[in-house]
Every structure is written in C-alpha cells, then in structure tokens.
Protein backbone atom coordinates (compact mmCIF):
# COMPACT_ATOMS: atom_id res chain seq x y z
CA MET A 1 19.15 2.97 -13.00
CA SER A 2 19.39 3.75 -9.32
CA ARG A 3 16.20 5.05 -7.75
CA ASP A 4 14.53 5.35 -4.41
CA ILE A 5 10.82 5.63 -3.68
CA GLU A 6 9.38 6.85 -0.41
CA ILE A 7 5.62 7.01 0.00
CA GLU A 8 4.22 9.37 2.60
CA SER A 9 0.53 9.06 3.38
CA GLY A 10 -1.71 9.56 6.32
CA GLY A 11 -3.44 12.68 5.11
CA PRO A 12 -5.74 13.25 2.17
CA VAL A 13 -2.79 13.65 -0.22
CA VAL A 14 -0.27 10.88 -0.92
CA ILE A 15 3.30 12.08 -1.45
CA ALA A 16 5.65 10.00 -3.57
CA VAL A 17 9.22 11.15 -3.01
CA LEU A 18 11.40 9.90 -5.85
CA SER A 19 15.16 10.17 -6.22
CA GLY A 20 17.87 8.94 -8.52
CA GLU A 21 16.97 8.13 -12.11
CA LEU A 22 13.62 7.44 -13.75
CA ASP A 23 14.25 5.39 -16.85
CA LEU A 24 12.85 2.42 -18.75
CA ALA A 25 14.31 -0.02 -16.22
CA SER A 26 12.93 1.71 -13.12
CA THR A 27 9.56 3.21 -14.08
CA PRO A 28 7.49 -0.02 -13.92
CA ALA A 29 8.40 -0.59 -10.25
CA VAL A 30 8.02 3.11 -9.41
CA SER A 31 4.64 3.30 -11.14
CA ALA A 32 3.33 0.19 -9.40
CA LYS A 33 4.38 1.40 -5.95
CA VAL A 34 2.91 4.88 -6.45
CA LEU A 35 -0.38 3.62 -7.90
CA ASP A 36 -0.72 1.07 -5.08
CA ALA A 37 -0.53 3.95 -2.58
CA VAL A 38 -3.35 5.93 -4.22
CA THR A 39 -6.75 4.66 -3.15
CA VAL A 40 -10.26 5.86 -3.98
CA ASP A 41 -10.20 7.79 -0.69
CA THR A 42 -7.05 9.70 -1.66
CA ALA A 43 -7.75 13.36 -2.50
CA GLY A 44 -4.61 13.76 -4.54
CA LEU A 45 -1.04 12.81 -5.33
CA VAL A 46 2.16 14.81 -5.08
CA VAL A 47 5.12 13.45 -6.98
CA ASP A 48 8.22 15.03 -5.46
CA LEU A 49 10.92 14.95 -8.11
CA SER A 50 13.37 17.17 -6.22
CA GLY A 51 15.82 14.28 -5.81
CA VAL A 52 15.56 13.00 -9.39
CA ARG A 53 18.62 13.80 -11.47
CA TYR A 54 17.64 12.04 -14.72
CA ILE A 55 14.35 11.19 -16.39
CA ASP A 56 13.79 9.67 -19.81
CA SER A 57 10.68 9.43 -21.97
CA SER A 58 9.30 6.47 -20.02
CA GLY A 59 9.45 8.54 -16.83
CA VAL A 60 7.64 11.43 -18.52
CA HIS A 61 5.05 8.99 -19.86
CA MET A 62 4.56 7.65 -16.33
CA LEU A 63 3.81 11.17 -15.04
CA PHE A 64 1.23 11.74 -17.78
CA ASP A 65 -0.29 8.34 -16.98
CA PHE A 66 -0.62 9.32 -13.32
CA ALA A 67 -2.30 12.57 -14.38
CA ARG A 68 -4.83 10.74 -16.59
CA ARG A 69 -5.68 8.17 -13.93
CA LEU A 70 -6.12 10.76 -11.20
CA GLU A 71 -8.21 12.99 -13.45
CA ALA A 72 -10.47 10.02 -14.21
CA GLY A 73 -10.86 9.41 -10.47
CA ARG A 74 -11.50 13.12 -9.84
CA GLN A 75 -8.35 13.31 -7.79
CA GLY A 76 -5.75 16.06 -7.96
CA MET A 77 -2.08 15.78 -8.81
CA ALA A 78 0.90 18.07 -8.60
CA ILE A 79 4.66 17.78 -9.04
CA ALA A 80 7.14 19.28 -6.59
CA LEU A 81 10.35 20.29 -8.33
CA GLY A 82 12.99 22.80 -7.28
CA ALA A 83 13.71 25.74 -9.56
CA THR A 84 17.29 24.58 -10.17
CA SER A 85 16.48 20.92 -10.83
CA PRO A 86 18.37 19.40 -13.75
CA ILE A 87 15.13 17.89 -15.09
CA ARG A 88 13.05 21.10 -15.02
CA GLY A 89 13.91 21.94 -18.64
CA LEU A 90 12.80 18.52 -19.87
CA LEU A 91 9.48 18.78 -18.04
CA GLU A 92 8.95 22.26 -19.50
CA ILE A 93 9.42 21.10 -23.10
CA THR A 94 7.05 18.17 -22.55
CA HIS A 95 4.36 20.59 -21.32
CA ILE A 96 3.58 18.49 -18.23
CA SER A 97 2.37 21.72 -16.60
CA GLN A 98 -0.64 21.65 -18.94
CA ALA A 99 -1.71 18.38 -17.29
CA VAL A 100 -0.69 19.01 -13.65
CA ALA A 101 0.64 21.83 -11.51
CA VAL A 102 4.43 21.98 -11.24
CA CYS A 103 5.32 23.67 -7.94
CA SER A 104 8.63 24.76 -6.46
CA THR A 105 7.85 23.41 -2.98
CA ARG A 106 6.23 20.28 -1.64
CA GLU A 107 3.82 22.40 0.45
CA ASP A 108 2.59 24.29 -2.63
CA ALA A 109 2.22 20.99 -4.48
CA MET A 110 0.17 19.52 -1.61
CA SER A 111 -2.20 22.49 -1.69
CA SER A 112 -2.48 22.31 -5.47
CA ALA A 113 -3.19 18.55 -5.46
CA ALA A 114 -5.87 18.97 -2.78
CA GLU A 115 -7.48 21.85 -4.69
CA GLY A 116 -7.40 19.85 -7.92
CA ALA A 117 -9.45 17.15 -6.27
CA GLN A 118 -12.13 19.70 -5.42
CA ARG A 119 -12.73 20.96 -8.96
CA SER A 120 -16.35 21.34 -9.89
CA TYR A 121 -17.45 19.18 -12.81
C-alpha cells in the first residue's frame, strides 16, 4: 500500500515518478494527483514506473485511463520502465504497449510522449 508520487513539470511534458505499490487502495490518490498536473497546455505525460515494485489490475486500469484521456486531448503518453523491473512482465501481458510507448529510459519516454502529441490527425 506504500507509494510515493513525485510530479516534475516545467517543460512541455509532465513526468509522474511513482514508486512503491500501485493497488486498489493507492490508485485513486495517484490518479488524481497525476491528472491534476496535466493541463490543456501539456504536450504529454511520462509515467515513470521504475520505482514501482507491485501493480494490480486497478493500477493497470489507471494507466489505460491516462492513455485514453491523453489521446482524447491529443496529448502524448509514454511509460518509463527499466528492463529488469518486476512489473515489466505484467505490463507485457496486458498489452499496454499497444496504447502507449513503453521505454527503458525516462529520456526516451519524454521524446516519445512529445512526439505522440504531434501526431497528425
């Protein structure tokens, strides 16, 4: 149930650095804080899950919800997640990469989120 949220903004892409566990008890607060940080002027969102050691279905649902909302606002989204993360396997079987880019580094995720916001419609 332990989790930390750090929001980094100041550029066109908001970075939400999450750590600990994302479960039914924590996702409402996490979701609210992340969505509050994303404004209409935000080009994209990076969700850095490198420090997350556990995620349940409510956490996965939250990520898909972020993807839908950002897509509707024509904003990009990417997930930063290390190659050896304990949650990588779960995200692979949920096919989150079909909705957003899953990148090994925060820098790659920032580029991907910014590019996603510039898609031609």
